[in-house]
Amino acid sequence: QVQLVESGGGLVQAGGSLRLSCAASGRTFSRYAMGWFRQAPGKEREFVAAISWSGGSTYYADSVKGRFTISRDNAKNTMYLQMNVLKPEDTAVYYCAADTRGRLFFSGTYYSSEAQYDYWGQGTQVTVSS
């Protein structure tokens, strides 16, 4: 069993920054790919970013590319999402997700789909005011 706990959300003005964290417990964190998704009010959950087991490969949604950075610290069992130049349209609940099934490849487009993840956190609210 894997538990994922997000933190770091809050209220920030447009143009500001936040760093989200996702702490994982349970199985070996360094063996699985991770991702961030978000869900705005009245909208479906959407992909934000994904990262491979080692952290050597990353993939971003076009809407956040150049502004957000995904990273991980396997020694701390933690994944991060550094969010800069935040916009009101970034307002959403942000979720971290893990694929613990030990796949032998990393593809950004593959891990942009919710279906590839088997564990999810409860989410953390990010609100960007204009």
Protein backbone atom coordinates (compact mmCIF):
# COMPACT_ATOMS: atom_id res chain seq x y z
CA GLN A 1 0.00 0.00 0.00
CA VAL A 2 1.25 3.47 -0.90
CA GLN A 3 0.16 6.68 0.77
CA LEU A 4 0.64 10.01 -0.99
CA VAL A 5 0.24 13.29 0.89
CA GLU A 6 0.38 16.64 -0.86
CA SER A 7 1.28 19.89 0.85
CA GLY A 8 2.31 23.42 -0.02
CA GLY A 9 -0.88 24.74 -1.54
CA GLY A 10 -2.32 28.12 -0.65
CA LEU A 11 -3.38 31.53 -1.86
CA VAL A 12 -0.97 33.54 -3.98
CA GLN A 13 -1.20 36.59 -6.22
CA ALA A 14 -0.78 36.31 -9.95
CA GLY A 15 2.88 36.27 -10.88
CA GLY A 16 3.84 34.64 -7.61
CA SER A 17 5.28 31.22 -6.84
CA LEU A 18 4.47 28.15 -4.81
CA ARG A 19 6.17 24.82 -4.29
CA LEU A 20 4.06 21.74 -3.82
CA SER A 21 5.37 18.60 -2.17
CA CYS A 22 4.15 15.04 -2.37
CA ALA A 23 5.39 12.74 0.38
CA ALA A 24 5.15 9.03 -0.29
CA SER A 25 5.21 6.12 2.12
CA GLY A 26 4.94 2.41 1.67
CA ARG A 27 6.67 0.75 -1.23
CA THR A 28 10.02 1.75 -2.73
CA PHE A 29 9.51 5.29 -3.96
CA SER A 30 12.45 5.26 -6.36
CA ARG A 31 10.99 2.46 -8.46
CA TYR A 32 7.97 4.21 -9.87
CA ALA A 33 7.02 7.10 -12.09
CA MET A 34 5.13 10.02 -10.58
CA GLY A 35 2.87 12.74 -11.86
CA TRP A 36 0.95 15.88 -10.98
CA PHE A 37 -2.60 16.55 -12.08
CA ARG A 38 -5.04 19.33 -11.30
CA GLN A 39 -8.76 19.90 -11.28
CA ALA A 40 -10.36 23.31 -11.50
CA PRO A 41 -13.95 23.93 -10.39
CA GLY A 42 -16.39 22.59 -12.93
CA LYS A 43 -13.67 21.03 -15.06
CA GLU A 44 -12.22 17.60 -15.52
CA ARG A 45 -8.92 16.65 -13.95
CA GLU A 46 -6.02 17.42 -16.26
CA PHE A 47 -2.39 16.46 -16.55
CA VAL A 48 0.29 18.89 -15.35
CA ALA A 49 3.66 17.10 -15.28
CA ALA A 50 5.29 13.69 -14.94
CA ILE A 51 8.71 12.44 -13.89
CA SER A 52 10.56 9.17 -14.31
CA TRP A 53 11.86 6.94 -11.50
CA SER A 54 15.31 8.53 -11.44
CA GLY A 55 14.12 12.04 -12.17
CA GLY A 56 16.12 12.06 -15.36
CA SER A 57 13.09 12.42 -17.61
CA THR A 58 10.25 14.89 -17.27
CA TYR A 59 7.21 15.87 -19.29
CA TYR A 60 4.89 18.88 -19.06
CA ALA A 61 1.54 20.03 -20.27
CA ASP A 62 1.87 22.87 -22.73
CA SER A 63 -0.05 25.17 -20.39
CA VAL A 64 2.65 25.00 -17.71
CA LYS A 65 5.80 24.45 -19.74
CA GLY A 66 8.46 27.00 -18.88
CA ARG A 67 6.70 28.02 -15.67
CA PHE A 68 6.49 24.79 -13.64
CA THR A 69 9.29 22.38 -12.72
CA ILE A 70 8.76 18.83 -11.49
CA SER A 71 11.49 17.15 -9.46
CA ARG A 72 11.97 14.40 -6.92
CA ASP A 73 14.25 13.47 -4.05
CA ASN A 74 14.28 9.69 -3.77
CA ALA A 75 16.25 9.80 -0.54
CA LYS A 76 13.34 11.74 1.02
CA ASN A 77 10.56 9.85 -0.76
CA THR A 78 9.25 13.19 -1.96
CA MET A 79 8.25 14.74 -5.27
CA TYR A 80 7.96 18.48 -5.87
CA LEU A 81 6.26 20.89 -8.21
CA GLN A 82 7.80 24.34 -8.34
CA MET A 83 5.25 26.71 -9.79
CA ASN A 84 6.38 30.14 -10.97
CA VAL A 85 4.62 33.00 -12.74
CA LEU A 86 1.30 31.70 -11.51
CA LYS A 87 -1.85 32.73 -13.33
CA PRO A 88 -5.48 32.79 -12.16
CA GLU A 89 -6.16 29.91 -14.54
CA ASP A 90 -3.74 27.77 -12.49
CA THR A 91 -6.31 27.79 -9.67
CA ALA A 92 -7.22 24.18 -8.95
CA VAL A 93 -6.84 21.28 -6.58
CA TYR A 94 -3.50 19.68 -7.33
CA TYR A 95 -3.06 15.93 -7.00
CA CYS A 96 0.03 13.78 -7.03
CA ALA A 97 -0.10 10.28 -8.43
CA ALA A 98 2.17 7.24 -8.57
CA ASP A 99 2.56 4.30 -10.92
CA THR A 100 3.93 1.55 -8.69
CA ARG A 101 3.74 -1.23 -11.26
CA GLY A 102 7.44 -1.10 -12.17
CA ARG A 103 7.19 -0.37 -15.87
CA LEU A 104 10.47 -0.56 -17.75
CA PHE A 105 10.02 2.59 -19.79
CA PHE A 106 9.08 6.23 -19.36
CA SER A 107 7.03 8.02 -21.95
CA GLY A 108 5.70 11.50 -21.30
CA THR A 109 2.59 11.03 -23.39
CA TYR A 110 1.96 7.67 -21.71
CA TYR A 111 2.17 9.18 -18.24
CA SER A 112 -0.02 12.13 -19.16
CA SER A 113 -2.99 9.79 -18.82
CA GLU A 114 -4.67 9.29 -15.44
CA ALA A 115 -5.15 5.64 -16.28
CA GLN A 116 -1.44 4.91 -15.89
CA TYR A 117 -1.40 5.68 -12.16
CA ASP A 118 -2.58 3.37 -9.43
CA TYR A 119 -2.24 5.58 -6.35
CA TRP A 120 -3.45 9.13 -5.75
CA GLY A 121 -3.15 11.71 -3.02
CA GLN A 122 -6.05 13.67 -1.56
CA GLY A 123 -5.06 16.94 -3.22
CA THR A 124 -3.98 20.41 -2.14
CA GLN A 125 -5.76 23.63 -3.10
CA VAL A 126 -3.92 26.29 -5.07
CA THR A 127 -5.69 29.61 -5.53
CA VAL A 128 -4.20 32.38 -7.66
CA SER A 129 -5.78 35.80 -7.30
CA SER A 130 -5.70 38.39 -10.05
